[in-house]
């Protein structure tokens, strides 16, 4: 199985995450509460506009949070963020080294 095929499988199998799993993500990756909120909404498939409405902030503020989140996690876009989070929860690996 190629890495792309494995990534597709992770996305297909991605279910909702428990609060405990999100707490583990915060600890493993050092995310702030707001960054976790935004990551959760991205995983739900929300657009910047939808996230802004949900969190009652401007689209520009959402984009600022996104750029900082992407930089912190060393990802380039939403897809890479989603795959990183899915790998964290669906491979059983809880170490930051496993996520890259």
PDB file of N, CA and C in Angstrom:
ATOM      1  N   UNK A   1       0.847  -1.173   0.000  1.00  0.00           N
ATOM      2  CA  UNK A   1       0.000   0.000   0.000  1.00  0.00           C
ATOM      3  C   UNK A   1       0.897   1.241   0.000  1.00  0.00           C
ATOM      4  N   UNK A   2       0.607   2.197  -0.876  1.00  0.00           N
ATOM      5  CA  UNK A   2       1.382   3.427  -0.937  1.00  0.00           C
ATOM      6  C   UNK A   2       0.952   4.360   0.185  1.00  0.00           C
ATOM      7  N   UNK A   3       1.760   5.380   0.429  1.00  0.00           N
ATOM      8  CA  UNK A   3       1.399   6.367   1.457  1.00  0.00           C
ATOM      9  C   UNK A   3       0.098   7.073   1.095  1.00  0.00           C
ATOM     10  N   UNK A   4      -0.096   7.399  -0.194  1.00  0.00           N
ATOM     11  CA  UNK A   4      -1.340   8.046  -0.618  1.00  0.00           C
ATOM     12  C   UNK A   4      -2.539   7.149  -0.358  1.00  0.00           C
ATOM     13  N   UNK A   5      -2.395   5.862  -0.634  1.00  0.00           N
ATOM     14  CA  UNK A   5      -3.493   4.920  -0.373  1.00  0.00           C
ATOM     15  C   UNK A   5      -3.772   4.828   1.124  1.00  0.00           C
ATOM     16  N   UNK A   6      -2.719   4.821   1.914  1.00  0.00           N
ATOM     17  CA  UNK A   6      -2.894   4.774   3.369  1.00  0.00           C
ATOM     18  C   UNK A   6      -3.580   6.040   3.865  1.00  0.00           C
ATOM     19  N   UNK A   7      -3.189   7.197   3.303  1.00  0.00           N
ATOM     20  CA  UNK A   7      -3.828   8.450   3.687  1.00  0.00           C
ATOM     21  C   UNK A   7      -5.303   8.443   3.320  1.00  0.00           C
ATOM     22  N   UNK A   8      -5.631   7.946   2.118  1.00  0.00           N
ATOM     23  CA  UNK A   8      -7.035   7.854   1.709  1.00  0.00           C
ATOM     24  C   UNK A   8      -7.817   6.973   2.669  1.00  0.00           C
ATOM     25  N   UNK A   9      -7.213   5.885   3.092  1.00  0.00           N
ATOM     26  CA  UNK A   9      -7.879   4.969   4.021  1.00  0.00           C
ATOM     27  C   UNK A   9      -8.115   5.648   5.370  1.00  0.00           C
ATOM     28  N   UNK A  10      -7.141   6.419   5.840  1.00  0.00           N
ATOM     29  CA  UNK A  10      -7.315   7.140   7.092  1.00  0.00           C
ATOM     30  C   UNK A  10      -8.486   8.101   7.014  1.00  0.00           C
ATOM     31  N   UNK A  11      -8.586   8.827   5.898  1.00  0.00           N
ATOM     32  CA  UNK A  11      -9.679   9.771   5.729  1.00  0.00           C
ATOM     33  C   UNK A  11     -11.005   9.033   5.689  1.00  0.00           C
ATOM     34  N   UNK A  12     -11.078   7.922   4.952  1.00  0.00           N
ATOM     35  CA  UNK A  12     -12.314   7.150   4.859  1.00  0.00           C
ATOM     36  C   UNK A  12     -12.750   6.625   6.214  1.00  0.00           C
ATOM     37  N   UNK A  13     -11.786   6.257   7.056  1.00  0.00           N
ATOM     38  CA  UNK A  13     -12.101   5.676   8.349  1.00  0.00           C
ATOM     39  C   UNK A  13     -12.248   6.720   9.447  1.00  0.00           C
ATOM     40  N   UNK A  14     -12.014   7.987   9.120  1.00  0.00           N
ATOM     41  CA  UNK A  14     -12.042   9.022  10.147  1.00  0.00           C
ATOM     42  C   UNK A  14     -13.426   9.223  10.726  1.00  0.00           C
ATOM     43  N   UNK A  15     -13.578   8.887  11.989  1.00  0.00           N
ATOM     44  CA  UNK A  15     -14.819   9.108  12.708  1.00  0.00           C
ATOM     45  C   UNK A  15     -14.621  10.308  13.613  1.00  0.00           C
ATOM     46  N   UNK A  16     -15.677  10.661  14.327  1.00  0.00           N
ATOM     47  CA  UNK A  16     -15.571  11.736  15.302  1.00  0.00           C
ATOM     48  C   UNK A  16     -14.565  11.340  16.376  1.00  0.00           C
ATOM     49  N   UNK A  17     -13.879  12.315  16.910  1.00  0.00           N
ATOM     50  CA  UNK A  17     -12.886  12.071  17.937  1.00  0.00           C
ATOM     51  C   UNK A  17     -13.482  12.363  19.304  1.00  0.00           C
ATOM     52  N   UNK A  18     -13.042  11.631  20.290  1.00  0.00           N
ATOM     53  CA  UNK A  18     -13.506  11.854  21.657  1.00  0.00           C
ATOM     54  C   UNK A  18     -12.807  13.080  22.240  1.00  0.00           C
ATOM     55  N   UNK A  19     -13.389  13.614  23.310  1.00  0.00           N
ATOM     56  CA  UNK A  19     -12.747  14.734  23.995  1.00  0.00           C
ATOM     57  C   UNK A  19     -11.373  14.322  24.514  1.00  0.00           C
ATOM     58  N   UNK A  20     -11.238  13.091  24.966  1.00  0.00           N
ATOM     59  CA  UNK A  20      -9.952  12.584  25.452  1.00  0.00           C
ATOM     60  C   UNK A  20      -8.907  12.626  24.339  1.00  0.00           C
ATOM     61  N   UNK A  21      -9.319  12.237  23.122  1.00  0.00           N
ATOM     62  CA  UNK A  21      -8.377  12.269  21.992  1.00  0.00           C
ATOM     63  C   UNK A  21      -7.948  13.698  21.682  1.00  0.00           C
ATOM     64  N   UNK A  22      -8.889  14.645  21.741  1.00  0.00           N
ATOM     65  CA  UNK A  22      -8.529  16.035  21.493  1.00  0.00           C
ATOM     66  C   UNK A  22      -7.585  16.542  22.578  1.00  0.00           C
ATOM     67  N   UNK A  23      -7.834  16.141  23.835  1.00  0.00           N
ATOM     68  CA  UNK A  23      -6.925  16.528  24.916  1.00  0.00           C
ATOM     69  C   UNK A  23      -5.522  15.990  24.658  1.00  0.00           C
ATOM     70  N   UNK A  24      -5.437  14.758  24.157  1.00  0.00           N
ATOM     71  CA  UNK A  24      -4.134  14.167  23.830  1.00  0.00           C
ATOM     72  C   UNK A  24      -3.457  14.932  22.699  1.00  0.00           C
ATOM     73  N   UNK A  25      -4.250  15.375  21.727  1.00  0.00           N
ATOM     74  CA  UNK A  25      -3.691  16.152  20.619  1.00  0.00           C
ATOM     75  C   UNK A  25      -3.124  17.470  21.124  1.00  0.00           C
ATOM     76  N   UNK A  26      -3.872  18.127  22.009  1.00  0.00           N
ATOM     77  CA  UNK A  26      -3.405  19.394  22.576  1.00  0.00           C
ATOM     78  C   UNK A  26      -2.051  19.183  23.249  1.00  0.00           C
ATOM     79  N   UNK A  27      -1.963  18.130  24.042  1.00  0.00           N
ATOM     80  CA  UNK A  27      -0.721  17.853  24.765  1.00  0.00           C
ATOM     81  C   UNK A  27       0.415  17.459  23.819  1.00  0.00           C
ATOM     82  N   UNK A  28       0.129  16.578  22.874  1.00  0.00           N
ATOM     83  CA  UNK A  28       1.170  16.082  21.967  1.00  0.00           C
ATOM     84  C   UNK A  28       1.717  17.177  21.063  1.00  0.00           C
ATOM     85  N   UNK A  29       0.852  18.070  20.617  1.00  0.00           N
ATOM     86  CA  UNK A  29       1.276  19.066  19.641  1.00  0.00           C
ATOM     87  C   UNK A  29       1.358  20.477  20.197  1.00  0.00           C
ATOM     88  N   UNK A  30       0.988  20.671  21.444  1.00  0.00           N
ATOM     89  CA  UNK A  30       1.093  21.984  22.065  1.00  0.00           C
ATOM     90  C   UNK A  30       0.147  23.015  21.490  1.00  0.00           C
ATOM     91  N   UNK A  31      -1.072  22.609  21.171  1.00  0.00           N
ATOM     92  CA  UNK A  31      -2.043  23.529  20.589  1.00  0.00           C
ATOM     93  C   UNK A  31      -2.782  24.316  21.665  1.00  0.00           C
ATOM     94  N   UNK A  32      -3.142  25.545  21.311  1.00  0.00           N
ATOM     95  CA  UNK A  32      -3.977  26.349  22.201  1.00  0.00           C
ATOM     96  C   UNK A  32      -5.430  25.902  22.057  1.00  0.00           C
ATOM     97  N   UNK A  33      -6.258  26.333  22.973  1.00  0.00           N
ATOM     98  CA  UNK A  33      -7.681  26.009  22.901  1.00  0.00           C
ATOM     99  C   UNK A  33      -8.312  26.480  21.598  1.00  0.00           C
ATOM    100  N   UNK A  34      -7.966  27.678  21.167  1.00  0.00           N
ATOM    101  CA  UNK A  34      -8.532  28.221  19.923  1.00  0.00           C
ATOM    102  C   UNK A  34      -8.051  27.420  18.721  1.00  0.00           C
ATOM    103  N   UNK A  35      -6.793  27.031  18.724  1.00  0.00           N
ATOM    104  CA  UNK A  35      -6.271  26.231  17.614  1.00  0.00           C
ATOM    105  C   UNK A  35      -6.985  24.887  17.529  1.00  0.00           C
ATOM    106  N   UNK A  36      -7.290  24.302  18.669  1.00  0.00           N
ATOM    107  CA  UNK A  36      -8.032  23.038  18.670  1.00  0.00           C
ATOM    108  C   UNK A  36      -9.447  23.251  18.144  1.00  0.00           C
ATOM    109  N   UNK A  37     -10.096  24.347  18.549  1.00  0.00           N
ATOM    110  CA  UNK A  37     -11.441  24.635  18.035  1.00  0.00           C
ATOM    111  C   UNK A  37     -11.417  24.722  16.516  1.00  0.00           C
ATOM    112  N   UNK A  38     -10.453  25.433  15.987  1.00  0.00           N
ATOM    113  CA  UNK A  38     -10.365  25.608  14.542  1.00  0.00           C
ATOM    114  C   UNK A  38     -10.043  24.284  13.860  1.00  0.00           C
ATOM    115  N   UNK A  39      -9.127  23.512  14.419  1.00  0.00           N
ATOM    116  CA  UNK A  39      -8.808  22.197  13.840  1.00  0.00           C
ATOM    117  C   UNK A  39     -10.044  21.307  13.810  1.00  0.00           C
ATOM    118  N   UNK A  40     -10.832  21.319  14.878  1.00  0.00           N
ATOM    119  CA  UNK A  40     -12.056  20.503  14.923  1.00  0.00           C
ATOM    120  C   UNK A  40     -13.020  20.914  13.811  1.00  0.00           C
ATOM    121  N   UNK A  41     -13.175  22.218  13.624  1.00  0.00           N
ATOM    122  CA  UNK A  41     -14.107  22.705  12.603  1.00  0.00           C
ATOM    123  C   UNK A  41     -13.595  22.394  11.201  1.00  0.00           C
ATOM    124  N   UNK A  42     -12.294  22.437  11.008  1.00  0.00           N
ATOM    125  CA  UNK A  42     -11.721  22.042   9.719  1.00  0.00           C
ATOM    126  C   UNK A  42     -12.030  20.577   9.450  1.00  0.00           C
ATOM    127  N   UNK A  43     -11.870  19.742  10.472  1.00  0.00           N
ATOM    128  CA  UNK A  43     -12.165  18.316  10.299  1.00  0.00           C
ATOM    129  C   UNK A  43     -13.645  18.062  10.025  1.00  0.00           C
ATOM    130  N   UNK A  44     -14.500  18.984  10.447  1.00  0.00           N
ATOM    131  CA  UNK A  44     -15.927  18.880  10.137  1.00  0.00           C
ATOM    132  C   UNK A  44     -16.228  19.375   8.722  1.00  0.00           C
ATOM    133  N   UNK A  45     -15.209  19.907   8.049  1.00  0.00           N
ATOM    134  CA  UNK A  45     -15.375  20.348   6.670  1.00  0.00           C
ATOM    135  C   UNK A  45     -15.820  21.787   6.505  1.00  0.00           C
ATOM    136  N   UNK A  46     -15.706  22.580   7.554  1.00  0.00           N
ATOM    137  CA  UNK A  46     -16.157  23.969   7.476  1.00  0.00           C
ATOM    138  C   UNK A  46     -15.172  24.845   6.708  1.00  0.00           C
ATOM    139  N   UNK A  47     -15.719  25.819   6.016  1.00  0.00           N
ATOM    140  CA  UNK A  47     -14.924  26.822   5.302  1.00  0.00           C
ATOM    141  C   UNK A  47     -14.489  27.914   6.286  1.00  0.00           C
ATOM    142  N   UNK A  48     -13.599  28.796   5.830  1.00  0.00           N
ATOM    143  CA  UNK A  48     -13.185  29.924   6.668  1.00  0.00           C
ATOM    144  C   UNK A  48     -14.403  30.743   7.089  1.00  0.00           C
ATOM    145  N   UNK A  49     -15.300  30.980   6.161  1.00  0.00           N
ATOM    146  CA  UNK A  49     -16.502  31.771   6.443  1.00  0.00           C
ATOM    147  C   UNK A  49     -17.375  31.085   7.498  1.00  0.00           C
ATOM    148  N   UNK A  50     -17.544  29.784   7.384  1.00  0.00           N
ATOM    149  CA  UNK A  50     -18.348  29.041   8.354  1.00  0.00           C
ATOM    150  C   UNK A  50     -17.687  29.028   9.731  1.00  0.00           C
ATOM    151  N   UNK A  51     -16.371  28.872   9.754  1.00  0.00           N
ATOM    152  CA  UNK A  51     -15.645  28.898  11.027  1.00  0.00           C
ATOM    153  C   UNK A  51     -15.801  30.268  11.680  1.00  0.00           C
ATOM    154  N   UNK A  52     -15.674  31.322  10.888  1.00  0.00           N
ATOM    155  CA  UNK A  52     -15.829  32.680  11.413  1.00  0.00           C
ATOM    156  C   UNK A  52     -17.207  32.868  12.040  1.00  0.00           C
ATOM    157  N   UNK A  53     -18.235  32.394  11.370  1.00  0.00           N
ATOM    158  CA  UNK A  53     -19.593  32.518  11.912  1.00  0.00           C
ATOM    159  C   UNK A  53     -19.748  31.696  13.188  1.00  0.00           C
ATOM    160  N   UNK A  54     -19.235  30.484  13.179  1.00  0.00           N
ATOM    161  CA  UNK A  54     -19.349  29.586  14.335  1.00  0.00           C
ATOM    162  C   UNK A  54     -18.641  30.156  15.570  1.00  0.00           C
ATOM    163  N   UNK A  55     -17.464  30.734  15.359  1.00  0.00           N
ATOM    164  CA  UNK A  55     -16.658  31.242  16.474  1.00  0.00           C
ATOM    165  C   UNK A  55     -16.843  32.737  16.705  1.00  0.00           C
ATOM    166  N   UNK A  56     -17.710  33.347  15.915  1.00  0.00           N
ATOM    167  CA  UNK A  56     -18.024  34.775  16.035  1.00  0.00           C
ATOM    168  C   UNK A  56     -16.767  35.640  15.962  1.00  0.00           C
ATOM    169  N   UNK A  57     -16.062  35.468  14.849  1.00  0.00           N
ATOM    170  CA  UNK A  57     -14.869  36.272  14.592  1.00  0.00           C
ATOM    171  C   UNK A  57     -14.828  36.592  13.103  1.00  0.00           C
ATOM    172  N   UNK A  58     -13.955  37.488  12.720  1.00  0.00           N
ATOM    173  CA  UNK A  58     -13.850  37.840  11.305  1.00  0.00           C
ATOM    174  C   UNK A  58     -13.133  36.732  10.531  1.00  0.00           C
ATOM    175  N   UNK A  59     -13.362  36.726   9.233  1.00  0.00           N
ATOM    176  CA  UNK A  59     -12.672  35.764   8.373  1.00  0.00           C
ATOM    177  C   UNK A  59     -11.162  36.005   8.429  1.00  0.00           C
ATOM    178  N   UNK A  60     -10.761  37.271   8.499  1.00  0.00           N
ATOM    179  CA  UNK A  60      -9.330  37.589   8.591  1.00  0.00           C
ATOM    180  C   UNK A  60      -8.716  36.988   9.861  1.00  0.00           C
ATOM    181  N   UNK A  61      -9.452  37.023  10.958  1.00  0.00           N
ATOM    182  CA  UNK A  61      -8.959  36.434  12.210  1.00  0.00           C
ATOM    183  C   UNK A  61      -8.838  34.924  12.080  1.00  0.00           C
ATOM    184  N   UNK A  62      -9.814  34.295  11.441  1.00  0.00           N
ATOM    185  CA  UNK A  62      -9.747  32.850  11.204  1.00  0.00           C
ATOM    186  C   UNK A  62      -8.497  32.532  10.401  1.00  0.00           C
ATOM    187  N   UNK A  63      -8.253  33.295   9.362  1.00  0.00           N
ATOM    188  CA  UNK A  63      -7.091  33.036   8.507  1.00  0.00           C
ATOM    189  C   UNK A  63      -5.774  33.248   9.258  1.00  0.00           C
ATOM    190  N   UNK A  64      -5.743  34.216  10.165  1.00  0.00           N
ATOM    191  CA  UNK A  64      -4.553  34.409  10.997  1.00  0.00           C
ATOM    192  C   UNK A  64      -4.321  33.188  11.882  1.00  0.00           C
ATOM    193  N   UNK A  65      -5.390  32.717  12.524  1.00  0.00           N
ATOM    194  CA  UNK A  65      -5.280  31.516  13.357  1.00  0.00           C
ATOM    195  C   UNK A  65      -4.835  30.315  12.518  1.00  0.00           C
ATOM    196  N   UNK A  66      -5.395  30.182  11.320  1.00  0.00           N
ATOM    197  CA  UNK A  66      -5.024  29.068  10.443  1.00  0.00           C
ATOM    198  C   UNK A  66      -3.548  29.121  10.071  1.00  0.00           C
ATOM    199  N   UNK A  67      -3.062  30.293   9.705  1.00  0.00           N
ATOM    200  CA  UNK A  67      -1.657  30.387   9.295  1.00  0.00           C
ATOM    201  C   UNK A  67      -0.735  30.051  10.462  1.00  0.00           C
ATOM    202  N   UNK A  68      -1.097  30.470  11.668  1.00  0.00           N
ATOM    203  CA  UNK A  68      -0.281  30.138  12.844  1.00  0.00           C
ATOM    204  C   UNK A  68      -0.365  28.653  13.169  1.00  0.00           C
ATOM    205  N   UNK A  69      -1.552  28.082  13.020  1.00  0.00           N
ATOM    206  CA  UNK A  69      -1.742  26.649  13.257  1.00  0.00           C
ATOM    207  C   UNK A  69      -0.927  25.833  12.259  1.00  0.00           C
ATOM    208  N   UNK A  70      -1.003  26.210  10.979  1.00  0.00           N
ATOM    209  CA  UNK A  70      -0.236  25.506   9.943  1.00  0.00           C
ATOM    210  C   UNK A  70       1.266  25.601  10.225  1.00  0.00           C
ATOM    211  N   UNK A  71       1.729  26.795  10.604  1.00  0.00           N
ATOM    212  CA  UNK A  71       3.156  26.980  10.889  1.00  0.00           C
ATOM    213  C   UNK A  71       3.585  26.130  12.088  1.00  0.00           C
ATOM    214  N   UNK A  72       2.779  26.130  13.133  1.00  0.00           N
ATOM    215  CA  UNK A  72       3.121  25.364  14.337  1.00  0.00           C
ATOM    216  C   UNK A  72       3.224  23.878  14.030  1.00  0.00           C
ATOM    217  N   UNK A  73       2.316  23.378  13.189  1.00  0.00           N
ATOM    218  CA  UNK A  73       2.282  21.951  12.870  1.00  0.00           C
ATOM    219  C   UNK A  73       3.118  21.596  11.644  1.00  0.00           C
ATOM    220  N   UNK A  74       3.721  22.611  11.032  1.00  0.00           N
ATOM    221  CA  UNK A  74       4.553  22.416   9.842  1.00  0.00           C
ATOM    222  C   UNK A  74       3.785  21.726   8.722  1.00  0.00           C
ATOM    223  N   UNK A  75       2.566  22.216   8.482  1.00  0.00           N
ATOM    224  CA  UNK A  75       1.756  21.740   7.363  1.00  0.00           C
ATOM    225  C   UNK A  75       1.495  22.922   6.444  1.00  0.00           C
ATOM    226  N   UNK A  76       1.147  22.624   5.202  1.00  0.00           N
ATOM    227  CA  UNK A  76       0.958  23.675   4.206  1.00  0.00           C
ATOM    228  C   UNK A  76      -0.497  24.057   3.977  1.00  0.00           C
ATOM    229  N   UNK A  77      -1.419  23.149   4.311  1.00  0.00           N
ATOM    230  CA  UNK A  77      -2.820  23.405   3.986  1.00  0.00           C
ATOM    231  C   UNK A  77      -3.743  22.536   4.837  1.00  0.00           C
ATOM    232  N   UNK A  78      -5.045  22.685   4.618  1.00  0.00           N
ATOM    233  CA  UNK A  78      -6.055  21.938   5.376  1.00  0.00           C
ATOM    234  C   UNK A  78      -5.896  20.433   5.213  1.00  0.00           C
ATOM    235  N   UNK A  79      -5.626  20.000   3.994  1.00  0.00           N
ATOM    236  CA  UNK A  79      -5.502  18.558   3.758  1.00  0.00           C
ATOM    237  C   UNK A  79      -4.379  17.954   4.590  1.00  0.00           C
ATOM    238  N   UNK A  80      -3.241  18.623   4.621  1.00  0.00           N
ATOM    239  CA  UNK A  80      -2.128  18.122   5.425  1.00  0.00           C
ATOM    240  C   UNK A  80      -2.476  18.143   6.913  1.00  0.00           C
ATOM    241  N   UNK A  81      -3.203  19.164   7.351  1.00  0.00           N
ATOM    242  CA  UNK A  81      -3.635  19.231   8.748  1.00  0.00           C
ATOM    243  C   UNK A  81      -4.551  18.060   9.086  1.00  0.00           C
ATOM    244  N   UNK A  82      -5.511  17.794   8.219  1.00  0.00           N
ATOM    245  CA  UNK A  82      -6.446  16.689   8.439  1.00  0.00           C
ATOM    246  C   UNK A  82      -5.695  15.366   8.512  1.00  0.00           C
ATOM    247  N   UNK A  83      -4.781  15.139   7.581  1.00  0.00           N
ATOM    248  CA  UNK A  83      -4.013  13.889   7.593  1.00  0.00           C
ATOM    249  C   UNK A  83      -3.156  13.765   8.848  1.00  0.00           C
ATOM    250  N   UNK A  84      -2.565  14.860   9.289  1.00  0.00           N
ATOM    251  CA  UNK A  84      -1.761  14.841  10.503  1.00  0.00           C
ATOM    252  C   UNK A  84      -2.607  14.427  11.705  1.00  0.00           C
ATOM    253  N   UNK A  85      -3.782  15.023  11.842  1.00  0.00           N
ATOM    254  CA  UNK A  85      -4.664  14.700  12.968  1.00  0.00           C
ATOM    255  C   UNK A  85      -5.153  13.262  12.869  1.00  0.00           C
ATOM    256  N   UNK A  86      -5.532  12.838  11.680  1.00  0.00           N
ATOM    257  CA  UNK A  86      -6.003  11.456  11.519  1.00  0.00           C
ATOM    258  C   UNK A  86      -4.901  10.452  11.826  1.00  0.00           C
ATOM    259  N   UNK A  87      -3.686  10.751  11.406  1.00  0.00           N
ATOM    260  CA  UNK A  87      -2.571   9.846  11.724  1.00  0.00           C
ATOM    261  C   UNK A  87      -2.374   9.755  13.237  1.00  0.00           C
ATOM    262  N   UNK A  88      -2.515  10.879  13.906  1.00  0.00           N
ATOM    263  CA  UNK A  88      -2.349  10.908  15.364  1.00  0.00           C
ATOM    264  C   UNK A  88      -3.333   9.951  16.036  1.00  0.00           C
ATOM    265  N   UNK A  89      -4.572   9.945  15.597  1.00  0.00           N
ATOM    266  CA  UNK A  89      -5.603   9.170  16.270  1.00  0.00           C
ATOM    267  C   UNK A  89      -5.817   7.787  15.691  1.00  0.00           C
ATOM    268  N   UNK A  90      -5.554   7.599  14.437  1.00  0.00           N
ATOM    269  CA  UNK A  90      -5.925   6.336  13.807  1.00  0.00           C
ATOM    270  C   UNK A  90      -4.771   5.352  13.645  1.00  0.00           C
ATOM    271  N   UNK A  91      -3.555   5.790  13.942  1.00  0.00           N
ATOM    272  CA  UNK A  91      -2.427   4.860  13.860  1.00  0.00           C
ATOM    273  C   UNK A  91      -1.981   4.397  15.237  1.00  0.00           C
ATOM    274  N   UNK A  92      -2.527   5.022  16.272  1.00  0.00           N
ATOM    275  CA  UNK A  92      -2.152   4.664  17.630  1.00  0.00           C
ATOM    276  C   UNK A  92      -0.861   5.308  18.097  1.00  0.00           C
ATOM    277  N   UNK A  93      -0.236   6.093  17.242  1.00  0.00           N
ATOM    278  CA  UNK A  93       1.018   6.759  17.582  1.00  0.00           C
ATOM    279  C   UNK A  93       0.709   8.063  18.304  1.00  0.00           C
ATOM    280  N   UNK A  94       1.294   8.261  19.465  1.00  0.00           N
ATOM    281  CA  UNK A  94       1.051   9.466  20.243  1.00  0.00           C
ATOM    282  C   UNK A  94       2.298  10.333  20.384  1.00  0.00           C
ATOM    283  N   UNK A  95       3.347  10.002  19.681  1.00  0.00           N
ATOM    284  CA  UNK A  95       4.590  10.767  19.741  1.00  0.00           C
ATOM    285  C   UNK A  95       4.639  11.728  18.561  1.00  0.00           C
ATOM    286  N   UNK A  96       5.143  12.934  18.795  1.00  0.00           N
ATOM    287  CA  UNK A  96       5.215  13.933  17.730  1.00  0.00           C
ATOM    288  C   UNK A  96       6.022  13.431  16.540  1.00  0.00           C
ATOM    289  N   UNK A  97       7.053  12.603  16.776  1.00  0.00           N
ATOM    290  CA  UNK A  97       7.878  12.083  15.680  1.00  0.00           C
ATOM    291  C   UNK A  97       7.078  11.229  14.708  1.00  0.00           C
ATOM    292  N   UNK A  98       6.016  10.604  15.168  1.00  0.00           N
ATOM    293  CA  UNK A  98       5.203   9.729  14.313  1.00  0.00           C
ATOM    294  C   UNK A  98       4.324  10.520  13.363  1.00  0.00           C
ATOM    295  N   UNK A  99       4.209  11.800  13.599  1.00  0.00           N
ATOM    296  CA  UNK A  99       3.241  12.596  12.860  1.00  0.00           C
ATOM    297  C   UNK A  99       3.798  13.195  11.589  1.00  0.00           C
ATOM    298  N   UNK A 100       5.067  13.104  11.376  1.00  0.00           N
ATOM    299  CA  UNK A 100       5.674  13.745  10.205  1.00  0.00           C
ATOM    300  C   UNK A 100       5.910  12.741   9.115  1.00  0.00           C
TER     301      UNK A 100
END
